[in-house]
Amino acid sequence: MIGIKKPEQTLMQKIYLPEILRGLAITIRHMLRQKPVTCEYPEKPHVVPPNFRGLHRLIQRPGGRERCVACELCLTACPANCISMVAADPNDPNVEKYPLRYEIDVLRCIYCGFCEEACPCDAIELTPHYEMASSRREDFIFTKDRLLDNNRYVPEGERVSKVRTNETYLRI
């Protein structure tokens, strides 16, 4: 058996005080050298990246009606199953199907953007708005009216988004 002998510690090393002071000196040196990490949130809003996905909104047609045709592709694509919809079938054959009830449970949503990708008529969008605080669970179930009302967070010129054309997909 091989015996390994530990090096003997001096008295100063045994009481640990110099090591504690050395560690504090390193901490103070780093504190004074670096800029503060804290952001001043209410005064200076956080700048989000361009691909940030936040608050949901239903996009309206130029006439004011929602663009959604209740195809339920967003329900199918959603991995969290947070979207529920009831489609209304109008009696008039010239009018498209529309959602009678459209709800998103934001607390279950994982903000993946699959609903946005699956929608063939660009009816739903995830905006860069991120302030949605509340103390009640009911406030996080966004109904169709609330989703249409979320257009107020989008600048006036961008409220009616452009429909994707085949040129967008065919461009290489």
N, C-alpha and C. Protein backbone atom coordinates (compact mmCIF):
# COMPACT_ATOMS: atom_id res chain seq x y z
N MET A 1 0.83 -1.18 0.00
CA MET A 1 0.00 0.00 0.00
C MET A 1 0.87 1.24 0.00
N ILE A 2 0.51 2.15 -0.90
CA ILE A 2 1.29 3.38 -1.03
C ILE A 2 0.68 4.43 -0.11
N GLY A 3 1.49 5.03 0.67
CA GLY A 3 1.02 6.07 1.58
C GLY A 3 1.29 7.44 1.01
N ILE A 4 0.27 8.26 1.00
CA ILE A 4 0.41 9.64 0.52
C ILE A 4 0.29 10.54 1.72
N LYS A 5 1.30 11.36 1.86
CA LYS A 5 1.33 12.25 3.00
C LYS A 5 0.82 13.62 2.60
N LYS A 6 -0.15 14.12 3.37
CA LYS A 6 -0.70 15.45 3.10
C LYS A 6 0.32 16.50 3.53
N PRO A 7 0.42 17.57 2.76
CA PRO A 7 1.34 18.63 3.19
C PRO A 7 0.83 19.30 4.46
N GLU A 8 1.72 19.66 5.28
CA GLU A 8 1.38 20.32 6.53
C GLU A 8 0.90 21.74 6.25
N GLN A 9 -0.17 22.15 6.95
CA GLN A 9 -0.69 23.50 6.80
C GLN A 9 -0.08 24.40 7.86
N THR A 10 0.12 25.64 7.45
CA THR A 10 0.63 26.61 8.42
C THR A 10 -0.52 27.06 9.31
N LEU A 11 -0.20 27.83 10.30
CA LEU A 11 -1.22 28.32 11.22
C LEU A 11 -2.22 29.23 10.51
N MET A 12 -1.73 30.07 9.60
CA MET A 12 -2.61 30.98 8.87
C MET A 12 -3.56 30.20 7.97
N GLN A 13 -3.10 29.11 7.40
CA GLN A 13 -3.97 28.30 6.55
C GLN A 13 -5.00 27.54 7.38
N LYS A 14 -4.66 27.20 8.58
CA LYS A 14 -5.59 26.47 9.43
C LYS A 14 -6.75 27.34 9.89
N ILE A 15 -6.55 28.63 10.07
CA ILE A 15 -7.63 29.49 10.55
C ILE A 15 -8.44 30.10 9.39
N TYR A 16 -8.07 29.89 8.17
CA TYR A 16 -8.79 30.27 6.94
C TYR A 16 -9.00 31.77 6.73
N LEU A 17 -8.60 32.61 7.66
CA LEU A 17 -8.86 34.04 7.52
C LEU A 17 -8.18 34.66 6.30
N PRO A 18 -6.93 34.37 6.01
CA PRO A 18 -6.32 34.97 4.82
C PRO A 18 -7.02 34.53 3.53
N GLU A 19 -7.48 33.28 3.47
CA GLU A 19 -8.16 32.80 2.26
C GLU A 19 -9.51 33.49 2.10
N ILE A 20 -10.21 33.72 3.18
CA ILE A 20 -11.49 34.43 3.11
C ILE A 20 -11.27 35.86 2.62
N LEU A 21 -10.25 36.53 3.16
CA LEU A 21 -9.95 37.90 2.74
C LEU A 21 -9.51 37.94 1.28
N ARG A 22 -8.75 36.95 0.85
CA ARG A 22 -8.34 36.90 -0.56
C ARG A 22 -9.55 36.71 -1.47
N GLY A 23 -10.48 35.86 -1.08
CA GLY A 23 -11.70 35.67 -1.87
C GLY A 23 -12.55 36.92 -1.91
N LEU A 24 -12.67 37.63 -0.80
CA LEU A 24 -13.41 38.90 -0.77
C LEU A 24 -12.73 39.94 -1.65
N ALA A 25 -11.43 39.97 -1.67
CA ALA A 25 -10.71 40.93 -2.51
C ALA A 25 -10.99 40.66 -3.99
N ILE A 26 -11.02 39.40 -4.38
CA ILE A 26 -11.33 39.06 -5.78
C ILE A 26 -12.75 39.48 -6.12
N THR A 27 -13.69 39.23 -5.20
CA THR A 27 -15.09 39.60 -5.43
C THR A 27 -15.24 41.11 -5.57
N ILE A 28 -14.62 41.87 -4.68
CA ILE A 28 -14.72 43.34 -4.74
C ILE A 28 -14.06 43.87 -6.00
N ARG A 29 -12.94 43.29 -6.39
CA ARG A 29 -12.27 43.73 -7.62
C ARG A 29 -13.18 43.52 -8.84
N HIS A 30 -13.87 42.39 -8.92
CA HIS A 30 -14.78 42.13 -10.04
C HIS A 30 -16.01 43.02 -9.98
N MET A 31 -16.49 43.32 -8.78
CA MET A 31 -17.65 44.19 -8.64
C MET A 31 -17.36 45.60 -9.15
N LEU A 32 -16.20 46.10 -8.85
CA LEU A 32 -15.85 47.45 -9.24
C LEU A 32 -15.48 47.55 -10.72
N ARG A 33 -15.01 46.49 -11.31
CA ARG A 33 -14.54 46.52 -12.69
C ARG A 33 -15.68 46.40 -13.70
N GLN A 34 -16.71 45.62 -13.43
CA GLN A 34 -17.75 45.33 -14.42
C GLN A 34 -18.91 46.31 -14.32
N LYS A 35 -19.59 46.48 -15.46
CA LYS A 35 -20.77 47.34 -15.48
C LYS A 35 -21.94 46.61 -14.83
N PRO A 36 -22.95 47.34 -14.34
CA PRO A 36 -24.08 46.67 -13.68
C PRO A 36 -24.91 45.85 -14.67
N VAL A 37 -25.45 44.76 -14.19
CA VAL A 37 -26.23 43.85 -15.02
C VAL A 37 -27.72 44.17 -14.92
N THR A 38 -28.11 44.86 -13.88
CA THR A 38 -29.52 45.15 -13.64
C THR A 38 -30.07 46.07 -14.73
N CYS A 39 -31.24 45.73 -15.27
CA CYS A 39 -31.88 46.62 -16.23
C CYS A 39 -32.96 47.42 -15.50
N GLU A 40 -33.13 48.65 -15.89
CA GLU A 40 -34.11 49.55 -15.27
C GLU A 40 -35.41 49.42 -16.03
N TYR A 41 -36.15 48.33 -15.74
CA TYR A 41 -37.26 47.91 -16.58
C TYR A 41 -38.38 48.93 -16.81
N PRO A 42 -39.06 49.43 -15.83
CA PRO A 42 -40.19 50.28 -16.23
C PRO A 42 -39.77 51.56 -16.95
N GLU A 43 -38.61 52.09 -16.56
CA GLU A 43 -38.15 53.33 -17.20
C GLU A 43 -37.59 53.06 -18.60
N LYS A 44 -36.82 52.00 -18.73
CA LYS A 44 -36.23 51.64 -20.02
C LYS A 44 -36.78 50.28 -20.42
N PRO A 45 -37.74 50.22 -21.36
CA PRO A 45 -38.29 48.91 -21.74
C PRO A 45 -37.24 48.02 -22.38
N HIS A 46 -37.38 46.74 -22.14
CA HIS A 46 -36.46 45.75 -22.67
C HIS A 46 -36.63 45.64 -24.18
N VAL A 47 -35.54 45.65 -24.91
CA VAL A 47 -35.59 45.51 -26.36
C VAL A 47 -35.56 44.01 -26.68
N VAL A 48 -36.62 43.54 -27.32
CA VAL A 48 -36.70 42.11 -27.64
C VAL A 48 -36.14 41.85 -29.02
N PRO A 49 -35.61 40.66 -29.26
CA PRO A 49 -35.09 40.35 -30.60
C PRO A 49 -36.23 40.26 -31.61
N PRO A 50 -35.93 40.38 -32.90
CA PRO A 50 -37.00 40.40 -33.91
C PRO A 50 -37.78 39.09 -34.01
N ASN A 51 -37.23 37.99 -33.58
CA ASN A 51 -37.95 36.72 -33.66
C ASN A 51 -38.63 36.35 -32.34
N PHE A 52 -38.80 37.29 -31.43
CA PHE A 52 -39.45 37.04 -30.15
C PHE A 52 -40.94 36.79 -30.36
N ARG A 53 -41.48 35.80 -29.63
CA ARG A 53 -42.91 35.48 -29.73
C ARG A 53 -43.55 35.75 -28.39
N GLY A 54 -44.47 36.71 -28.38
CA GLY A 54 -45.14 37.09 -27.14
C GLY A 54 -46.64 36.99 -27.25
N LEU A 55 -47.32 38.08 -27.00
CA LEU A 55 -48.77 38.14 -26.93
C LEU A 55 -49.43 37.74 -28.24
N HIS A 56 -50.48 36.91 -28.16
CA HIS A 56 -51.21 36.46 -29.34
C HIS A 56 -52.18 37.56 -29.79
N ARG A 57 -52.45 37.58 -31.09
CA ARG A 57 -53.49 38.47 -31.61
C ARG A 57 -54.11 37.84 -32.84
N LEU A 58 -55.40 38.10 -33.04
CA LEU A 58 -56.09 37.70 -34.26
C LEU A 58 -56.06 38.89 -35.21
N ILE A 59 -55.65 38.66 -36.42
CA ILE A 59 -55.53 39.73 -37.40
C ILE A 59 -56.88 39.94 -38.06
N GLN A 60 -57.20 41.20 -38.30
CA GLN A 60 -58.47 41.55 -38.91
C GLN A 60 -58.31 41.82 -40.39
N ARG A 61 -59.42 41.62 -41.10
CA ARG A 61 -59.47 42.01 -42.51
C ARG A 61 -59.65 43.52 -42.59
N PRO A 62 -59.44 44.10 -43.77
CA PRO A 62 -59.64 45.56 -43.87
C PRO A 62 -61.05 46.00 -43.47
N GLY A 63 -62.05 45.13 -43.60
CA GLY A 63 -63.41 45.49 -43.21
C GLY A 63 -63.65 45.45 -41.71
N GLY A 64 -62.75 44.86 -40.95
CA GLY A 64 -62.88 44.79 -39.51
C GLY A 64 -63.18 43.41 -38.98
N ARG A 65 -63.62 42.48 -39.81
CA ARG A 65 -63.89 41.11 -39.38
C ARG A 65 -62.58 40.34 -39.25
N GLU A 66 -62.56 39.34 -38.38
CA GLU A 66 -61.33 38.57 -38.21
C GLU A 66 -61.03 37.77 -39.47
N ARG A 67 -59.76 37.52 -39.67
CA ARG A 67 -59.32 36.82 -40.87
C ARG A 67 -59.49 35.30 -40.76
N CYS A 68 -59.69 34.78 -39.56
CA CYS A 68 -59.78 33.35 -39.33
C CYS A 68 -60.99 32.75 -40.04
N VAL A 69 -60.78 31.60 -40.71
CA VAL A 69 -61.85 30.89 -41.40
C VAL A 69 -62.18 29.58 -40.70
N ALA A 70 -61.77 29.42 -39.45
CA ALA A 70 -62.08 28.27 -38.61
C ALA A 70 -61.71 26.95 -39.27
N CYS A 71 -60.54 26.88 -39.86
CA CYS A 71 -60.08 25.64 -40.50
C CYS A 71 -59.52 24.66 -39.47
N GLU A 72 -59.25 25.13 -38.26
CA GLU A 72 -58.76 24.34 -37.14
C GLU A 72 -57.36 23.75 -37.35
N LEU A 73 -56.59 24.32 -38.25
CA LEU A 73 -55.21 23.86 -38.42
C LEU A 73 -54.33 24.28 -37.25
N CYS A 74 -54.64 25.42 -36.63
CA CYS A 74 -53.87 25.86 -35.48
C CYS A 74 -54.08 24.92 -34.30
N LEU A 75 -55.31 24.40 -34.14
CA LEU A 75 -55.58 23.43 -33.08
C LEU A 75 -54.77 22.16 -33.30
N THR A 76 -54.70 21.73 -34.55
CA THR A 76 -53.98 20.50 -34.88
C THR A 76 -52.48 20.66 -34.67
N ALA A 77 -51.95 21.83 -34.99
CA ALA A 77 -50.51 22.04 -34.91
C ALA A 77 -50.02 22.32 -33.49
N CYS A 78 -50.91 22.73 -32.61
CA CYS A 78 -50.50 23.15 -31.26
C CYS A 78 -50.09 21.94 -30.42
N PRO A 79 -48.82 21.85 -29.99
CA PRO A 79 -48.39 20.71 -29.18
C PRO A 79 -48.89 20.77 -27.74
N ALA A 80 -49.27 21.95 -27.25
CA ALA A 80 -49.73 22.10 -25.87
C ALA A 80 -51.24 21.97 -25.74
N ASN A 81 -51.95 21.88 -26.85
CA ASN A 81 -53.42 21.80 -26.86
C ASN A 81 -54.04 22.93 -26.06
N CYS A 82 -53.56 24.14 -26.28
CA CYS A 82 -54.08 25.29 -25.53
C CYS A 82 -55.12 26.08 -26.32
N ILE A 83 -55.38 25.73 -27.57
CA ILE A 83 -56.33 26.46 -28.40
C ILE A 83 -57.61 25.65 -28.50
N SER A 84 -58.75 26.33 -28.31
CA SER A 84 -60.05 25.68 -28.52
C SER A 84 -60.88 26.59 -29.42
N MET A 85 -61.69 25.96 -30.27
CA MET A 85 -62.45 26.72 -31.25
C MET A 85 -63.77 26.02 -31.54
N VAL A 86 -64.80 26.83 -31.74
CA VAL A 86 -66.09 26.33 -32.22
C VAL A 86 -66.38 27.10 -33.49
N ALA A 87 -66.55 26.39 -34.59
CA ALA A 87 -66.77 27.02 -35.89
C ALA A 87 -68.25 27.26 -36.11
N ALA A 88 -68.56 28.39 -36.72
CA ALA A 88 -69.94 28.72 -37.10
C ALA A 88 -70.05 28.61 -38.61
N ASP A 89 -71.01 27.86 -39.06
CA ASP A 89 -71.22 27.67 -40.49
C ASP A 89 -72.35 28.59 -40.94
N PRO A 90 -72.05 29.65 -41.67
CA PRO A 90 -73.11 30.58 -42.06
C PRO A 90 -74.04 29.95 -43.10
N ASN A 91 -75.29 30.41 -43.09
CA ASN A 91 -76.27 29.90 -44.05
C ASN A 91 -76.02 30.42 -45.45
N ASP A 92 -75.38 31.57 -45.56
CA ASP A 92 -75.09 32.18 -46.85
C ASP A 92 -73.87 31.50 -47.48
N PRO A 93 -73.98 30.94 -48.70
CA PRO A 93 -72.82 30.27 -49.32
C PRO A 93 -71.73 31.24 -49.75
N ASN A 94 -72.01 32.53 -49.80
CA ASN A 94 -71.01 33.53 -50.19
C ASN A 94 -70.13 33.97 -49.02
N VAL A 95 -70.53 33.60 -47.81
CA VAL A 95 -69.78 34.01 -46.62
C VAL A 95 -68.96 32.82 -46.14
N GLU A 96 -67.69 33.08 -45.78
CA GLU A 96 -66.80 32.02 -45.30
C GLU A 96 -67.17 31.60 -43.89
N LYS A 97 -66.75 30.42 -43.53
CA LYS A 97 -66.91 29.93 -42.17
C LYS A 97 -66.06 30.82 -41.26
N TYR A 98 -66.51 31.00 -40.03
CA TYR A 98 -65.79 31.85 -39.09
C TYR A 98 -65.86 31.22 -37.70
N PRO A 99 -64.95 31.60 -36.80
CA PRO A 99 -64.99 31.02 -35.45
C PRO A 99 -66.05 31.71 -34.59
N LEU A 100 -66.96 30.92 -34.08
CA LEU A 100 -67.96 31.45 -33.15
C LEU A 100 -67.30 31.69 -31.79
N ARG A 101 -66.46 30.74 -31.39
CA ARG A 101 -65.71 30.86 -30.14
C ARG A 101 -64.27 30.47 -30.44
N TYR A 102 -63.33 31.30 -30.02
CA TYR A 102 -61.90 31.04 -30.22
C TYR A 102 -61.20 31.41 -28.93
N GLU A 103 -60.56 30.45 -28.28
CA GLU A 103 -59.90 30.71 -27.01
C GLU A 103 -58.49 30.13 -27.01
N ILE A 104 -57.59 30.85 -26.35
CA ILE A 104 -56.22 30.38 -26.14
C ILE A 104 -55.93 30.47 -24.65
N ASP A 105 -55.55 29.35 -24.06
CA ASP A 105 -55.13 29.33 -22.66
C ASP A 105 -53.64 29.66 -22.65
N VAL A 106 -53.34 30.90 -22.33
CA VAL A 106 -51.96 31.40 -22.43
C VAL A 106 -51.05 30.74 -21.40
N LEU A 107 -51.60 30.29 -20.29
CA LEU A 107 -50.77 29.63 -19.28
C LEU A 107 -50.30 28.26 -19.74
N ARG A 108 -51.02 27.63 -20.65
CA ARG A 108 -50.59 26.34 -21.20
C ARG A 108 -49.72 26.52 -22.43
N CYS A 109 -49.80 27.67 -23.08
CA CYS A 109 -49.09 27.91 -24.33
C CYS A 109 -47.58 27.88 -24.09
N ILE A 110 -46.85 27.30 -25.04
CA ILE A 110 -45.39 27.25 -24.94
C ILE A 110 -44.74 28.21 -25.93
N TYR A 111 -45.54 29.04 -26.59
CA TYR A 111 -45.05 30.08 -27.50
C TYR A 111 -44.11 29.54 -28.56
N CYS A 112 -44.49 28.42 -29.13
CA CYS A 112 -43.65 27.79 -30.15
C CYS A 112 -43.88 28.41 -31.53
N GLY A 113 -45.04 29.01 -31.76
CA GLY A 113 -45.33 29.64 -33.04
C GLY A 113 -45.88 28.68 -34.08
N PHE A 114 -46.17 27.44 -33.70
CA PHE A 114 -46.71 26.47 -34.66
C PHE A 114 -48.09 26.89 -35.17
N CYS A 115 -48.89 27.51 -34.31
CA CYS A 115 -50.22 27.97 -34.74
C CYS A 115 -50.07 29.04 -35.82
N GLU A 116 -49.11 29.89 -35.65
CA GLU A 116 -48.83 30.96 -36.62
C GLU A 116 -48.36 30.37 -37.95
N GLU A 117 -47.52 29.35 -37.88
CA GLU A 117 -47.00 28.70 -39.09
C GLU A 117 -48.07 27.90 -39.81
N ALA A 118 -48.97 27.27 -39.05
CA ALA A 118 -49.97 26.39 -39.66
C ALA A 118 -51.12 27.14 -40.30
N CYS A 119 -51.37 28.36 -39.90
CA CYS A 119 -52.53 29.11 -40.38
C CYS A 119 -52.35 29.46 -41.86
N PRO A 120 -53.26 28.99 -42.72
CA PRO A 120 -53.10 29.26 -44.16
C PRO A 120 -53.47 30.68 -44.55
N CYS A 121 -54.19 31.38 -43.68
CA CYS A 121 -54.62 32.74 -44.05
C CYS A 121 -54.03 33.80 -43.12
N ASP A 122 -52.97 33.47 -42.41
CA ASP A 122 -52.28 34.42 -41.52
C ASP A 122 -53.24 35.11 -40.56
N ALA A 123 -54.09 34.36 -39.90
CA ALA A 123 -55.08 34.94 -39.01
C ALA A 123 -54.56 35.16 -37.60
N ILE A 124 -53.59 34.38 -37.17
CA ILE A 124 -53.07 34.51 -35.81
C ILE A 124 -51.60 34.88 -35.88
N GLU A 125 -51.19 35.70 -34.93
CA GLU A 125 -49.80 36.16 -34.91
C GLU A 125 -49.35 36.30 -33.47
N LEU A 126 -48.09 36.03 -33.23
CA LEU A 126 -47.49 36.25 -31.93
C LEU A 126 -46.68 37.55 -32.01
N THR A 127 -47.09 38.55 -31.25
CA THR A 127 -46.49 39.88 -31.32
C THR A 127 -45.29 39.96 -30.38
N PRO A 128 -44.47 40.99 -30.49
CA PRO A 128 -43.34 41.15 -29.55
C PRO A 128 -43.75 41.72 -28.19
N HIS A 129 -45.04 41.95 -27.96
CA HIS A 129 -45.49 42.49 -26.68
C HIS A 129 -45.40 41.40 -25.61
N TYR A 130 -44.83 41.70 -24.45
CA TYR A 130 -44.60 40.67 -23.44
C TYR A 130 -45.18 41.01 -22.08
N GLU A 131 -45.85 42.12 -21.92
CA GLU A 131 -46.38 42.50 -20.61
C GLU A 131 -47.80 41.97 -20.46
N MET A 132 -47.98 40.87 -19.72
CA MET A 132 -49.30 40.31 -19.50
C MET A 132 -49.42 39.80 -18.07
N ALA A 133 -49.32 40.68 -17.11
CA ALA A 133 -49.38 40.28 -15.71
C ALA A 133 -50.81 40.35 -15.19
N SER A 134 -51.15 39.39 -14.34
CA SER A 134 -52.44 39.38 -13.68
C SER A 134 -52.35 38.44 -12.49
N SER A 135 -53.25 38.60 -11.56
CA SER A 135 -53.26 37.72 -10.40
C SER A 135 -54.38 36.68 -10.48
N ARG A 136 -55.17 36.70 -11.55
CA ARG A 136 -56.26 35.75 -11.71
C ARG A 136 -56.03 34.87 -12.93
N ARG A 137 -56.32 33.60 -12.79
CA ARG A 137 -56.13 32.64 -13.88
C ARG A 137 -57.07 32.94 -15.05
N GLU A 138 -58.26 33.42 -14.77
CA GLU A 138 -59.24 33.69 -15.82
C GLU A 138 -58.75 34.75 -16.81
N ASP A 139 -57.87 35.62 -16.36
CA ASP A 139 -57.36 36.67 -17.24
C ASP A 139 -56.41 36.13 -18.30
N PHE A 140 -55.95 34.90 -18.14
CA PHE A 140 -55.01 34.32 -19.10
C PHE A 140 -55.68 33.38 -20.10
N ILE A 141 -56.99 33.33 -20.08
CA ILE A 141 -57.72 32.62 -21.12
C ILE A 141 -58.21 33.68 -22.09
N PHE A 142 -57.53 33.80 -23.22
CA PHE A 142 -57.82 34.86 -24.19
C PHE A 142 -58.97 34.41 -25.09
N THR A 143 -60.07 35.13 -25.04
CA THR A 143 -61.20 34.86 -25.91
C THR A 143 -60.99 35.56 -27.25
N LYS A 144 -61.94 35.34 -28.16
CA LYS A 144 -61.82 35.95 -29.49
C LYS A 144 -61.81 37.48 -29.38
N ASP A 145 -62.65 38.02 -28.51
CA ASP A 145 -62.68 39.49 -28.35
C ASP A 145 -61.37 40.02 -27.80
N ARG A 146 -60.78 39.32 -26.85
CA ARG A 146 -59.50 39.75 -26.28
C ARG A 146 -58.39 39.65 -27.33
N LEU A 147 -58.42 38.58 -28.14
CA LEU A 147 -57.40 38.42 -29.18
C LEU A 147 -57.52 39.50 -30.24
N LEU A 148 -58.74 39.91 -30.57
CA LEU A 148 -58.92 41.01 -31.50
C LEU A 148 -58.52 42.33 -30.86
N ASP A 149 -58.76 42.47 -29.56
CA ASP A 149 -58.40 43.69 -28.84
C ASP A 149 -56.88 43.83 -28.69
N ASN A 150 -56.14 42.73 -28.79
CA ASN A 150 -54.68 42.79 -28.69
C ASN A 150 -54.04 43.51 -29.88
N ASN A 151 -54.82 43.87 -30.88
CA ASN A 151 -54.30 44.65 -32.00
C ASN A 151 -53.88 46.04 -31.56
N ARG A 152 -54.34 46.48 -30.40
CA ARG A 152 -53.97 47.82 -29.92
C ARG A 152 -52.49 47.93 -29.60
N TYR A 153 -51.81 46.79 -29.38
CA TYR A 153 -50.39 46.81 -29.09
C TYR A 153 -49.52 46.85 -30.35
N VAL A 154 -50.15 46.76 -31.50
CA VAL A 154 -49.43 46.74 -32.77
C VAL A 154 -49.60 48.11 -33.42
N PRO A 155 -48.56 48.67 -34.01
CA PRO A 155 -48.71 49.97 -34.68
C PRO A 155 -49.80 49.94 -35.75
N GLU A 156 -50.43 51.09 -35.97
CA GLU A 156 -51.59 51.19 -36.86
C GLU A 156 -51.33 50.64 -38.25
N GLY A 157 -50.18 50.88 -38.81
CA GLY A 157 -49.88 50.43 -40.17
C GLY A 157 -49.70 48.93 -40.30
N GLU A 158 -49.43 48.23 -39.19
CA GLU A 158 -49.16 46.78 -39.23
C GLU A 158 -50.34 45.95 -38.76
N ARG A 159 -51.49 46.57 -38.45
CA ARG A 159 -52.62 45.82 -37.89
C ARG A 159 -53.23 44.86 -38.88
N VAL A 160 -53.26 45.20 -40.14
CA VAL A 160 -53.76 44.29 -41.16
C VAL A 160 -52.54 43.79 -41.89
N SER A 161 -52.14 42.55 -41.58
CA SER A 161 -50.90 42.05 -42.18
C SER A 161 -51.14 41.61 -43.61
N LYS A 162 -50.06 41.49 -44.33
CA LYS A 162 -50.14 41.09 -45.73
C LYS A 162 -50.27 39.58 -45.82
N VAL A 163 -51.12 39.12 -46.72
CA VAL A 163 -51.27 37.69 -46.93
C VAL A 163 -50.07 37.20 -47.73
N ARG A 164 -49.52 36.05 -47.34
CA ARG A 164 -48.39 35.49 -48.07
C ARG A 164 -48.85 35.05 -49.46
N THR A 165 -48.02 35.29 -50.41
CA THR A 165 -48.35 34.86 -51.77
C THR A 165 -47.43 33.72 -52.17
N ASN A 166 -47.72 33.11 -53.29
CA ASN A 166 -46.87 32.02 -53.77
C ASN A 166 -45.48 32.50 -54.11
N GLU A 167 -45.34 33.77 -54.45
CA GLU A 167 -44.02 34.31 -54.76
C GLU A 167 -43.10 34.22 -53.54
N THR A 168 -43.67 34.39 -52.35
CA THR A 168 -42.87 34.31 -51.13
C THR A 168 -42.29 32.91 -50.95
N TYR A 169 -43.08 31.90 -51.24
CA TYR A 169 -42.63 30.53 -51.05
C TYR A 169 -41.71 30.07 -52.20
N LEU A 170 -41.92 30.61 -53.38
CA LEU A 170 -41.16 30.16 -54.54
C LEU A 170 -39.82 30.86 -54.69
N ARG A 171 -39.65 31.95 -53.93
CA ARG A 171 -38.40 32.69 -53.99
C ARG A 171 -37.26 31.84 -53.42
N ILE A 172 -36.18 31.75 -54.15
CA ILE A 172 -35.05 30.91 -53.70
C ILE A 172 -33.89 31.77 -53.27
